[in-house]
Amino acid sequence: MTLLLVLIYKIVFMPKFFSLSRVIQRVDELLRPAMEKTFWLKAEISSSRAKGGHFYCDLVETSSTGQLAAQVRCTIWSRDLTDIRHKFRKEGLSLELEDGLSIGILCRLQYHPIYGISLRGLDMDPAFVLGEMELKKRAIIESLQKKKLTELNANLPLDILPKRIGLITGEGTAAYEDFVNTLMSSHLGFEIFFSSATMQGPQTALSISKSLTLLSKLDLDLVVICRGGGSKVDLSWLDQEGLAEKVAHYPIPVWTGIGHEIDTSVLDFVSAKSFKTPTAVAEELVSIYTGMKQWVDQSRHNLMSSWSYRLKEAQQYLETSRQQLKSESQHLVRTEKENLKLSLEQLNSRVSFLLSEEKVSQKELAQNLYHSSKNFINELKNDLKYSRENLVRESLRQCKENRHTISQLKGRFVLEKYLNKIQIQNDQIELRHKRLTKGPIWSRLRTEENRLKQIASIFKNANPETQLERGYSLLKDESGAAITRTKKLKTGQKIYVQLKDGSLKATIDSTLEKPNN
């Protein structure tokens, strides 16, 4: 019973369901007649993108309140887009498809089961895209180009750091606030000379011209004309040929910042530089200073890096030179040390040889002197002994003769008469003997003996070995001759120094003469 009720409920009350593919097929059948037709559409481009030569975007329509009223996807295939661009070039125009651009486009409806409904763009109307105001603006630009005025103001020299800025815009407008606040927030100390001007309406060109005339009397680096965005009608008041010519001939560089990203004014073509917004103009001025600071910082960094690198190279060179100098100095010192050691050995050998020769010579001389003195003394002693013996013999002989004579005469004379006389003669003989042994001859022998001892002592003291023993040294030249005077010496001359225990070889560096008293 329950199953029956369920079946009855499904038959009577359940809605009828269709498959998605069947619904899509039915929609395609209904839209097929419409997809064969083409139509002109007025819309604004949004979410544009180019890929593979094709152009994809959304076509939107907004209400008077700015609300989105309708939106549909649109595709312009590359072949159709090429034909459209060719058509625009024939009219002397360049087609730039950007968001926010209002276009008049020839479309065809297309439907895909997966991607849904979209439009295919087939053609565009140049007159609609640019409009009459755009065509007029282009005519003014062409006229300015023929007069060669588009580059006149741009060729004026601009100070490397513009500081005194003339500003022309509406007082209290967003453009004024954006420009001034951007410069003030940079804290760079710009000087702004403001001249209020009407930026919309019939008085726009005259008002801006008066401001330009007023600012030309000041010593300014740059004049900026700016205003915020608006409709093409609002911005068209700036597209006046007379105003453009005044800007082109202006003696001070003029920068413009008019409108939003999609807007371009005639003044942008004749000014020295143009920007999309007033803020962009101010940011460019700030960027000049920040760029200069970056350039100075980079230059300082490059200079420091360069000098650091050069300093490092110089330090490495100095360190290498120091190491080389140290190594070469050590090598030179070792070489000179070895040379000095060799020279010292040669000097020692030479001095030792010379000293040995001199020692032998002095020893032979001393021995000869000693033997000569000894022989001389011995000869003197022998002579004295011989003289003494002769004297004694002669005295004894005379005494004997005298005794014999006395004995002969003794008998002839009275003994007592001659005893005193004999005694006297004996005394005289004894006195002569004493004189002989202790008189001048013996004293002379003693004196000569002492003199010979003194001569031996002098020779001994004069012996070089004795002088060396006392701490003195003996100087000789390379020939072995003794050096006694500095006048005979020359700087750089080799000499030999003989000491007690060896000899040295030296080189004369300088000589000092004994000062005169």
Protein backbone atom coordinates (compact mmCIF):
# COMPACT_ATOMS: atom_id res chain seq x y z
CA MET A 1 0.00 0.00 0.00
CA THR A 2 2.81 2.41 0.89
CA LEU A 3 4.66 1.64 -2.31
CA LEU A 4 1.51 2.36 -4.29
CA LEU A 5 1.06 5.70 -2.59
CA VAL A 6 4.68 6.64 -3.39
CA LEU A 7 4.17 5.80 -7.05
CA ILE A 8 0.97 7.84 -7.19
CA TYR A 9 2.79 10.80 -5.53
CA LYS A 10 5.63 10.69 -8.05
CA ILE A 11 3.24 10.55 -10.98
CA VAL A 12 0.97 13.34 -9.75
CA PHE A 13 3.19 15.74 -7.77
CA MET A 14 6.85 15.22 -8.85
CA PRO A 15 8.15 17.86 -11.43
CA LYS A 16 9.54 16.67 -14.75
CA PHE A 17 13.36 16.78 -14.96
CA PHE A 18 15.38 17.28 -18.20
CA SER A 19 19.02 16.47 -18.78
CA LEU A 20 21.42 19.43 -19.06
CA SER A 21 22.57 18.42 -22.52
CA ARG A 22 18.98 18.36 -23.75
CA VAL A 23 18.35 21.81 -22.31
CA ILE A 24 21.55 23.14 -23.89
CA GLN A 25 20.58 21.59 -27.20
CA ARG A 26 17.18 23.25 -27.01
CA VAL A 27 18.74 26.62 -26.21
CA ASP A 28 21.08 26.19 -29.16
CA GLU A 29 18.10 25.44 -31.40
CA LEU A 30 16.32 28.56 -30.20
CA LEU A 31 19.40 30.80 -30.59
CA ARG A 32 20.51 29.41 -33.92
CA PRO A 33 18.43 31.90 -36.01
CA ALA A 34 19.73 34.83 -33.94
CA MET A 35 23.37 33.69 -34.33
CA GLU A 36 23.11 34.13 -38.08
CA LYS A 37 22.50 37.89 -37.72
CA THR A 38 24.97 40.75 -37.10
CA PHE A 39 24.32 43.99 -35.21
CA TRP A 40 26.14 47.15 -34.06
CA LEU A 41 26.65 47.44 -30.34
CA LYS A 42 27.67 50.39 -28.16
CA ALA A 43 29.56 49.32 -25.02
CA GLU A 44 32.64 49.87 -22.87
CA ILE A 45 35.63 47.52 -22.79
CA SER A 46 36.44 45.81 -19.48
CA SER A 47 38.81 43.01 -18.33
CA SER A 48 40.66 43.14 -21.65
CA ARG A 49 43.49 40.74 -22.47
CA ALA A 50 45.35 39.70 -25.61
CA LYS A 51 46.52 36.13 -26.20
CA GLY A 52 47.84 34.42 -29.31
CA GLY A 53 46.91 37.41 -31.47
CA HIS A 54 43.27 37.27 -30.32
CA PHE A 55 41.55 39.87 -28.14
CA TYR A 56 39.32 38.86 -25.21
CA CYS A 57 37.27 41.25 -23.08
CA ASP A 58 33.96 41.90 -21.38
CA LEU A 59 31.55 44.44 -22.91
CA VAL A 60 29.75 46.32 -20.14
CA GLU A 61 27.14 49.02 -19.81
CA THR A 62 26.78 51.24 -16.76
CA SER A 63 23.78 53.23 -15.63
CA SER A 64 23.79 56.95 -14.94
CA THR A 65 24.48 56.11 -11.30
CA GLY A 66 27.60 54.16 -12.26
CA GLN A 67 26.04 50.76 -11.56
CA LEU A 68 26.71 47.82 -13.87
CA ALA A 69 23.64 47.36 -16.07
CA ALA A 70 24.76 44.60 -18.45
CA GLN A 71 27.82 42.47 -19.18
CA VAL A 72 28.73 39.92 -21.82
CA ARG A 73 31.95 38.23 -22.98
CA CYS A 74 33.34 39.23 -26.37
CA THR A 75 36.06 37.75 -28.56
CA ILE A 76 37.76 39.36 -31.56
CA TRP A 77 39.72 36.73 -33.43
CA SER A 78 43.12 37.66 -34.79
CA ARG A 79 42.02 37.75 -38.45
CA ASP A 80 39.13 40.13 -37.68
CA LEU A 81 41.35 42.21 -35.37
CA THR A 82 43.95 42.59 -38.16
CA ASP A 83 41.28 43.82 -40.57
CA ILE A 84 39.98 46.31 -37.97
CA ARG A 85 43.46 47.72 -37.30
CA HIS A 86 44.08 48.02 -41.04
CA LYS A 87 40.84 49.95 -41.37
CA PHE A 88 41.87 52.35 -38.59
CA ARG A 89 45.32 52.91 -40.15
CA LYS A 90 43.63 53.93 -43.39
CA GLU A 91 41.96 56.68 -41.41
CA GLY A 92 45.36 57.71 -39.96
CA LEU A 93 44.45 56.41 -36.51
CA SER A 94 46.06 53.93 -34.14
CA LEU A 95 43.69 51.54 -32.38
CA GLU A 96 44.56 51.00 -28.72
CA LEU A 97 42.03 48.68 -27.07
CA GLU A 98 42.09 49.43 -23.33
CA ASP A 99 39.76 49.09 -20.38
CA GLY A 100 37.28 51.94 -20.15
CA LEU A 101 37.28 52.63 -23.90
CA SER A 102 33.79 53.10 -25.37
CA ILE A 103 33.47 51.45 -28.78
CA GLY A 104 30.94 50.88 -31.49
CA ILE A 105 31.43 47.28 -32.51
CA LEU A 106 29.77 45.04 -35.10
CA CYS A 107 28.94 41.77 -33.34
CA ARG A 108 27.47 38.35 -33.90
CA LEU A 109 25.94 36.15 -31.20
CA GLN A 110 27.74 32.86 -30.53
CA TYR A 111 26.88 30.03 -28.20
CA HIS A 112 28.92 27.12 -26.84
CA PRO A 113 27.56 24.24 -24.77
CA ILE A 114 30.34 24.67 -22.20
CA TYR A 115 31.29 28.38 -22.36
CA GLY A 116 27.77 29.67 -22.84
CA ILE A 117 26.66 32.84 -24.70
CA SER A 118 29.22 35.35 -25.93
CA LEU A 119 29.70 37.85 -28.73
CA ARG A 120 32.15 37.76 -31.59
CA GLY A 121 33.49 41.16 -32.65
CA LEU A 122 33.63 41.56 -36.44
CA ASP A 123 34.23 45.28 -37.06
CA MET A 124 34.55 48.69 -35.36
CA ASP A 125 33.65 52.24 -36.37
CA PRO A 126 36.68 54.61 -36.09
CA ALA A 127 34.48 57.67 -35.87
CA PHE A 128 32.59 56.25 -32.93
CA VAL A 129 35.73 55.10 -31.09
CA LEU A 130 37.44 58.44 -31.26
CA GLY A 131 34.43 60.66 -31.56
CA GLU A 132 34.32 64.10 -33.04
CA MET A 133 36.31 65.59 -30.18
CA GLU A 134 39.05 63.09 -30.72
CA LEU A 135 39.17 63.86 -34.41
CA LYS A 136 39.37 67.57 -33.62
CA LYS A 137 42.13 66.95 -31.11
CA ARG A 138 44.02 64.92 -33.67
CA ALA A 139 43.70 67.73 -36.21
CA ILE A 140 45.20 70.16 -33.66
CA ILE A 141 48.06 67.74 -32.97
CA GLU A 142 48.75 67.36 -36.69
CA SER A 143 48.81 71.14 -37.05
CA LEU A 144 51.26 71.45 -34.15
CA GLN A 145 53.45 68.75 -35.66
CA LYS A 146 53.54 70.55 -39.00
CA LYS A 147 54.62 73.72 -37.17
CA LYS A 148 57.32 71.64 -35.37
CA LEU A 149 56.09 72.73 -31.96
CA THR A 150 55.78 69.33 -30.28
CA GLU A 151 59.48 69.17 -29.31
CA LEU A 152 60.15 72.88 -28.73
CA ASN A 153 59.47 72.96 -24.99
CA ALA A 154 60.98 69.51 -24.49
CA ASN A 155 64.34 70.82 -25.78
CA LEU A 156 64.61 73.40 -22.98
CA PRO A 157 67.29 72.49 -20.38
CA LEU A 158 65.93 71.39 -17.01
CA ASP A 159 67.88 71.93 -13.82
CA ILE A 160 69.40 68.70 -12.57
CA LEU A 161 67.49 69.10 -9.29
CA PRO A 162 64.43 71.31 -9.93
CA LYS A 163 63.38 72.97 -6.68
CA ARG A 164 61.29 76.07 -7.54
CA ILE A 165 58.08 74.66 -9.02
CA GLY A 166 55.25 76.68 -10.56
CA LEU A 167 51.84 74.97 -10.21
CA ILE A 168 48.78 75.70 -12.36
CA THR A 169 45.54 73.93 -11.36
CA GLY A 170 42.25 74.57 -9.66
CA GLU A 171 42.49 75.81 -6.08
CA GLY A 172 41.39 73.23 -3.51
CA THR A 173 40.93 70.50 -6.12
CA ALA A 174 42.02 66.89 -5.71
CA ALA A 175 44.76 67.52 -8.26
CA TYR A 176 46.18 70.33 -6.08
CA GLU A 177 45.97 68.22 -2.91
CA ASP A 178 47.55 65.15 -4.54
CA PHE A 179 50.42 67.11 -6.06
CA VAL A 180 51.22 69.29 -3.01
CA ASN A 181 50.81 66.47 -0.46
CA THR A 182 53.12 64.17 -2.43
CA LEU A 183 55.86 66.80 -2.55
CA MET A 184 55.42 67.77 1.11
CA SER A 185 55.51 64.15 2.29
CA SER A 186 58.93 63.77 0.62
CA HIS A 187 60.43 66.38 3.03
CA LEU A 188 62.75 67.56 0.25
CA GLY A 189 62.12 71.29 0.62
CA PHE A 190 60.44 72.08 -2.72
CA GLU A 191 59.31 75.68 -3.25
CA ILE A 192 55.84 75.72 -4.84
CA PHE A 193 54.52 78.88 -6.53
CA PHE A 194 50.79 78.31 -7.05
CA SER A 195 48.60 80.09 -9.61
CA SER A 196 44.96 79.14 -9.55
CA ALA A 197 43.31 78.58 -12.95
CA THR A 198 40.00 77.37 -14.33
CA MET A 199 40.52 73.81 -15.58
CA GLN A 200 37.08 73.23 -17.13
CA GLY A 201 34.72 75.32 -19.21
CA PRO A 202 35.05 78.06 -21.87
CA GLN A 203 37.49 80.13 -19.73
CA THR A 204 40.00 77.28 -19.35
CA ALA A 205 42.47 78.29 -22.09
CA LEU A 206 42.43 82.00 -21.12
CA SER A 207 42.82 81.27 -17.40
CA ILE A 208 45.78 78.91 -17.92
CA SER A 209 47.41 81.43 -20.31
CA LYS A 210 47.19 84.16 -17.67
CA SER A 211 48.75 81.84 -15.08
CA LEU A 212 51.58 81.00 -17.49
CA THR A 213 52.23 84.70 -18.07
CA LEU A 214 52.24 85.42 -14.34
CA LEU A 215 54.65 82.54 -13.52
CA SER A 216 57.02 83.46 -16.38
CA LYS A 217 58.02 86.56 -14.40
CA LEU A 218 59.40 84.39 -11.57
CA ASP A 219 62.72 82.58 -11.45
CA LEU A 220 61.33 79.04 -11.70
CA ASP A 221 62.90 75.72 -12.62
CA LEU A 222 59.69 74.07 -13.83
CA VAL A 223 55.97 74.77 -14.38
CA VAL A 224 53.38 72.00 -13.82
CA ILE A 225 49.86 72.06 -15.34
CA CYS A 226 47.65 69.39 -13.80
CA ARG A 227 44.07 68.40 -13.18
CA GLY A 228 42.18 65.28 -12.21
CA GLY A 229 40.33 62.96 -14.52
CA GLY A 230 36.94 63.56 -16.00
CA SER A 231 34.86 62.92 -19.04
CA LYS A 232 36.17 63.52 -22.52
CA VAL A 233 33.99 66.63 -22.70
CA ASP A 234 35.53 68.00 -19.52
CA LEU A 235 39.06 67.34 -20.77
CA SER A 236 38.36 68.68 -24.25
CA TRP A 237 38.49 72.29 -22.90
CA LEU A 238 42.30 71.80 -22.62
CA ASP A 239 42.58 70.84 -26.28
CA GLN A 240 42.95 74.42 -27.61
CA GLU A 241 45.53 75.13 -30.28
CA GLY A 242 46.30 78.65 -28.99
CA LEU A 243 47.00 77.35 -25.47
CA ALA A 244 49.14 74.55 -26.90
CA GLU A 245 51.23 77.03 -28.89
CA LYS A 246 51.75 79.16 -25.78
CA VAL A 247 52.99 76.12 -23.86
CA ALA A 248 55.25 75.11 -26.77
CA HIS A 249 56.89 78.58 -26.84
CA TYR A 250 57.03 78.90 -23.02
CA PRO A 251 60.58 79.81 -21.81
CA ILE A 252 60.41 77.39 -18.85
CA PRO A 253 60.02 73.60 -19.13
CA VAL A 254 56.36 72.59 -18.68
CA TRP A 255 55.18 69.23 -17.32
CA THR A 256 51.56 68.12 -17.57
CA GLY A 257 49.58 65.70 -15.45
CA ILE A 258 46.08 65.73 -16.92
CA GLY A 259 43.39 63.08 -16.62
CA HIS A 260 43.44 59.40 -15.84
CA GLU A 261 45.26 56.51 -17.49
CA ILE A 262 43.10 56.52 -20.67
CA ASP A 263 43.13 60.30 -21.23
CA THR A 264 45.58 62.19 -23.41
CA SER A 265 45.48 65.96 -23.86
CA VAL A 266 46.87 68.17 -26.62
CA LEU A 267 49.01 69.81 -23.95
CA ASP A 268 50.69 66.43 -23.39
CA PHE A 269 52.08 66.60 -26.93
CA VAL A 270 53.65 70.07 -26.62
CA SER A 271 54.87 69.89 -23.01
CA ALA A 272 58.38 68.86 -22.09
CA LYS A 273 57.02 65.80 -20.29
CA SER A 274 53.55 64.40 -19.66
CA PHE A 275 52.16 62.17 -16.93
CA LYS A 276 48.86 60.39 -16.42
CA THR A 277 48.04 61.96 -13.03
CA PRO A 278 49.12 64.94 -10.88
CA THR A 279 50.48 62.45 -8.34
CA ALA A 280 52.66 60.91 -11.03
CA VAL A 281 54.16 64.36 -11.76
CA ALA A 282 54.99 64.89 -8.08
CA GLU A 283 56.38 61.36 -7.77
CA GLU A 284 58.63 62.00 -10.77
CA LEU A 285 59.99 65.16 -9.13
CA VAL A 286 60.62 63.23 -5.93
CA SER A 287 62.18 60.37 -7.91
CA ILE A 288 64.68 62.82 -9.44
CA TYR A 289 65.99 63.59 -5.96
CA THR A 290 65.81 59.97 -4.79
CA GLY A 291 67.46 58.89 -8.03
CA MET A 292 70.19 61.47 -7.50
CA LYS A 293 70.60 60.23 -3.94
CA GLN A 294 70.77 56.65 -5.18
CA TRP A 295 73.28 57.71 -7.84
CA VAL A 296 75.36 59.53 -5.21
CA ASP A 297 75.09 56.57 -2.84
CA GLN A 298 75.97 54.17 -5.64
CA SER A 299 78.84 56.39 -6.73
CA ARG A 300 80.03 56.59 -3.14
CA HIS A 301 79.70 52.82 -2.84
CA ASN A 302 81.50 52.30 -6.15
CA LEU A 303 84.21 54.74 -5.11
CA MET A 304 84.60 53.05 -1.74
CA SER A 305 84.56 49.62 -3.37
CA SER A 306 87.08 50.73 -5.98
CA TRP A 307 89.39 52.28 -3.40
CA SER A 308 88.87 49.31 -1.07
CA TYR A 309 89.83 47.02 -3.92
CA ARG A 310 92.82 49.21 -4.80
CA LEU A 311 93.75 49.44 -1.13
CA LYS A 312 93.52 45.67 -0.83
CA GLU A 313 95.66 45.28 -3.95
CA ALA A 314 98.17 47.81 -2.57
CA GLN A 315 98.20 46.03 0.79
CA GLN A 316 98.71 42.70 -0.94
CA TYR A 317 101.46 44.24 -3.06
CA LEU A 318 103.09 45.75 0.04
CA GLU A 319 102.76 42.45 1.90
CA THR A 320 104.25 40.58 -1.05
CA SER A 321 107.02 43.18 -1.33
CA ARG A 322 107.61 42.97 2.41
CA GLN A 323 107.82 39.18 2.25
CA GLN A 324 110.12 39.37 -0.76
CA LEU A 325 112.23 42.07 0.91
CA LYS A 326 112.36 40.02 4.09
CA SER A 327 113.24 36.86 2.18
CA GLU A 328 115.85 38.62 0.04
CA SER A 329 117.24 40.44 3.09
CA GLN A 330 117.50 37.17 4.98
CA HIS A 331 119.13 35.57 1.97
CA LEU A 332 121.50 38.53 1.65
CA VAL A 333 122.26 38.41 5.38
CA ARG A 334 122.93 34.68 5.18
CA THR A 335 125.13 35.19 2.13
CA GLU A 336 127.02 38.05 3.78
CA LYS A 337 127.25 36.04 6.99
CA GLU A 338 128.74 33.14 5.09
CA ASN A 339 131.08 35.51 3.26
CA LEU A 340 132.09 37.12 6.55
CA LYS A 341 132.56 33.72 8.13
CA LEU A 342 134.71 32.65 5.20
CA SER A 343 136.62 35.94 5.33
CA LEU A 344 137.02 35.53 9.09
CA GLU A 345 138.37 32.04 8.61
CA GLN A 346 140.72 33.31 5.94
CA LEU A 347 141.72 36.22 8.19
CA ASN A 348 142.26 33.88 11.13
CA SER A 349 144.28 31.58 8.95
CA ARG A 350 146.31 34.46 7.53
CA VAL A 351 146.83 36.13 10.91
CA SER A 352 147.71 32.80 12.49
CA PHE A 353 150.18 32.15 9.72
CA LEU A 354 151.67 35.63 10.00
CA LEU A 355 151.74 35.41 13.79
CA SER A 356 153.40 32.03 13.63
CA GLU A 357 155.97 33.45 11.22
CA GLU A 358 156.37 36.56 13.35
CA LYS A 359 156.54 34.42 16.48
CA VAL A 360 159.31 32.32 14.98
CA SER A 361 161.06 35.48 13.79
CA GLN A 362 160.71 37.18 17.18
CA LYS A 363 161.76 34.01 18.95
CA GLU A 364 164.83 33.69 16.75
CA LEU A 365 165.59 37.38 17.27
CA ALA A 366 165.19 37.04 21.04
CA GLN A 367 167.32 33.93 21.07
CA ASN A 368 169.98 35.59 18.95
CA LEU A 369 169.88 38.68 21.17
CA TYR A 370 170.02 36.54 24.26
CA HIS A 371 172.93 34.44 22.97
CA SER A 372 174.73 37.54 21.68
CA SER A 373 174.31 39.28 25.02
CA LYS A 374 175.31 36.13 26.88
CA ASN A 375 178.36 35.66 24.66
CA PHE A 376 179.27 39.31 25.12
CA ILE A 377 178.91 39.03 28.88
CA ASN A 378 180.86 35.80 28.88
CA GLU A 379 183.60 37.42 26.84
CA LEU A 380 183.62 40.37 29.26
CA LYS A 381 183.77 37.95 32.18
CA ASN A 382 186.61 36.04 30.53
CA ASP A 383 188.44 39.25 29.79
CA LEU A 384 187.95 40.42 33.37
CA LYS A 385 189.03 37.04 34.69
CA TYR A 386 192.07 37.06 32.46
CA SER A 387 192.91 40.64 33.46
CA ARG A 388 192.39 39.76 37.10
CA GLU A 389 194.58 36.68 36.83
CA ASN A 390 197.26 38.68 35.03
CA LEU A 391 197.04 41.37 37.62
CA VAL A 392 197.23 38.85 40.44
CA ARG A 393 200.15 37.04 38.81
CA GLU A 394 201.87 40.33 38.10
CA SER A 395 201.26 41.47 41.67
CA LEU A 396 202.43 38.12 43.06
CA ARG A 397 205.41 38.23 40.77
CA GLN A 398 206.30 41.73 41.87
CA CYS A 399 205.67 40.75 45.48
CA LYS A 400 207.90 37.72 45.04
CA GLU A 401 210.57 39.83 43.37
CA ASN A 402 210.19 42.39 46.09
CA ARG A 403 210.37 39.66 48.73
CA HIS A 404 213.42 38.19 47.04
CA THR A 405 215.01 41.60 46.84
CA ILE A 406 214.11 42.18 50.46
CA SER A 407 215.54 38.86 51.45
CA GLN A 408 218.74 39.76 49.61
CA LEU A 409 218.85 43.11 51.14
CA LYS A 410 217.85 41.75 54.49
CA GLY A 411 221.27 40.61 55.14
CA ARG A 412 222.64 43.84 53.94
CA PHE A 413 220.41 45.97 56.09
CA VAL A 414 219.30 45.94 59.63
CA LEU A 415 216.13 44.00 60.13
CA GLU A 416 214.39 46.45 62.33
CA LYS A 417 215.28 49.26 59.94
CA TYR A 418 213.31 47.77 57.17
CA LEU A 419 210.51 45.92 59.01
CA ASN A 420 208.30 48.96 59.00
CA LYS A 421 209.11 49.63 55.39
CA ILE A 422 208.15 46.05 54.48
CA GLN A 423 205.06 46.25 56.50
CA ILE A 424 204.17 49.38 54.68
CA GLN A 425 204.74 47.68 51.32
CA ASN A 426 202.65 44.69 52.41
CA ASP A 427 199.87 47.03 53.38
CA GLN A 428 200.18 48.71 50.00
CA ILE A 429 199.93 45.32 48.28
CA GLU A 430 196.87 44.38 50.27
CA LEU A 431 195.36 47.72 49.49
CA ARG A 432 195.98 47.21 45.77
CA HIS A 433 194.44 43.71 46.03
CA LYS A 434 191.44 45.14 47.72
CA ARG A 435 191.27 47.89 45.11
CA LEU A 436 191.52 45.25 42.38
CA THR A 437 188.66 43.13 43.79
CA LYS A 438 186.46 45.92 45.08
CA GLY A 439 187.49 48.90 43.09
CA PRO A 440 186.21 50.62 39.91
CA ILE A 441 186.89 47.66 37.65
CA TRP A 442 184.72 45.39 39.71
CA SER A 443 182.04 48.11 39.88
CA ARG A 444 182.24 48.53 36.12
CA LEU A 445 181.76 44.79 35.69
CA ARG A 446 178.69 44.94 37.93
CA THR A 447 177.37 47.98 36.06
CA GLU A 448 177.79 46.31 32.66
CA GLU A 449 176.11 43.18 33.94
CA ASN A 450 173.10 45.20 35.16
CA ARG A 451 172.96 47.11 31.86
CA LEU A 452 172.90 43.82 29.95
CA LYS A 453 170.03 42.63 32.15
CA GLN A 454 168.10 45.85 31.40
CA ILE A 455 168.75 45.41 27.67
CA ALA A 456 167.43 41.83 27.90
CA SER A 457 164.31 43.09 29.75
CA ILE A 458 163.76 45.75 27.08
CA PHE A 459 164.02 43.15 24.32
CA LYS A 460 161.65 40.91 26.21
CA ASN A 461 159.10 43.74 26.61
CA ALA A 462 159.52 44.67 22.94
CA ASN A 463 158.65 41.12 21.92
CA PRO A 464 155.13 41.18 20.17
CA GLU A 465 154.07 38.06 22.04
CA THR A 466 154.55 39.93 25.32
CA GLN A 467 152.38 42.80 24.03
CA LEU A 468 149.67 40.36 22.84
CA GLU A 469 149.71 38.72 26.29
CA ARG A 470 148.98 42.15 27.81
CA GLY A 471 145.77 42.59 25.67
CA TYR A 472 147.22 44.62 22.82
CA SER A 473 146.65 43.74 19.13
CA LEU A 474 148.87 43.91 16.10
CA LEU A 475 147.59 45.42 12.78
CA LYS A 476 149.04 44.34 9.46
CA ASP A 477 148.14 44.89 5.83
CA GLU A 478 147.61 42.16 3.25
CA SER A 479 151.35 42.01 2.59
CA GLY A 480 152.03 41.31 6.27
CA ALA A 481 153.66 44.68 7.00
CA ALA A 482 152.84 46.30 10.33
CA ILE A 483 150.44 49.29 10.23
CA THR A 484 151.56 52.26 12.36
CA ARG A 485 149.82 55.29 10.75
CA THR A 486 146.20 55.93 9.67
CA LYS A 487 147.34 58.10 6.76
CA LYS A 488 148.45 54.99 4.90
CA LEU A 489 145.00 53.38 5.21
CA LYS A 490 142.17 53.70 2.69
CA THR A 491 138.42 53.13 3.05
CA GLY A 492 137.52 49.56 2.03
CA GLN A 493 141.12 48.30 2.53
CA LYS A 494 141.48 44.81 4.01
CA ILE A 495 143.56 44.51 7.21
CA TYR A 496 144.50 41.69 9.59
CA VAL A 497 144.18 41.96 13.39
CA GLN A 498 146.40 39.63 15.44
CA LEU A 499 145.20 38.86 18.96
CA LYS A 500 146.47 36.59 21.75
CA ASP A 501 144.42 33.53 20.70
CA GLY A 502 143.95 34.12 16.95
CA SER A 503 143.58 36.63 14.19
CA LEU A 504 140.76 38.58 12.45
CA LYS A 505 140.22 39.92 8.97
CA ALA A 506 138.50 43.35 8.74
CA THR A 507 137.64 46.11 6.26
CA ILE A 508 138.35 49.81 6.87
CA ASP A 509 135.07 51.76 7.05
CA SER A 510 136.53 55.15 8.04
CA THR A 511 139.64 56.64 9.76
CA LEU A 512 139.93 59.31 12.45
CA GLU A 513 143.05 61.44 12.70
CA LYS A 514 144.46 62.46 16.07
CA PRO A 515 143.28 66.02 16.81
CA ASN A 516 145.96 68.71 17.09
CA ASN A 517 146.37 70.09 20.61
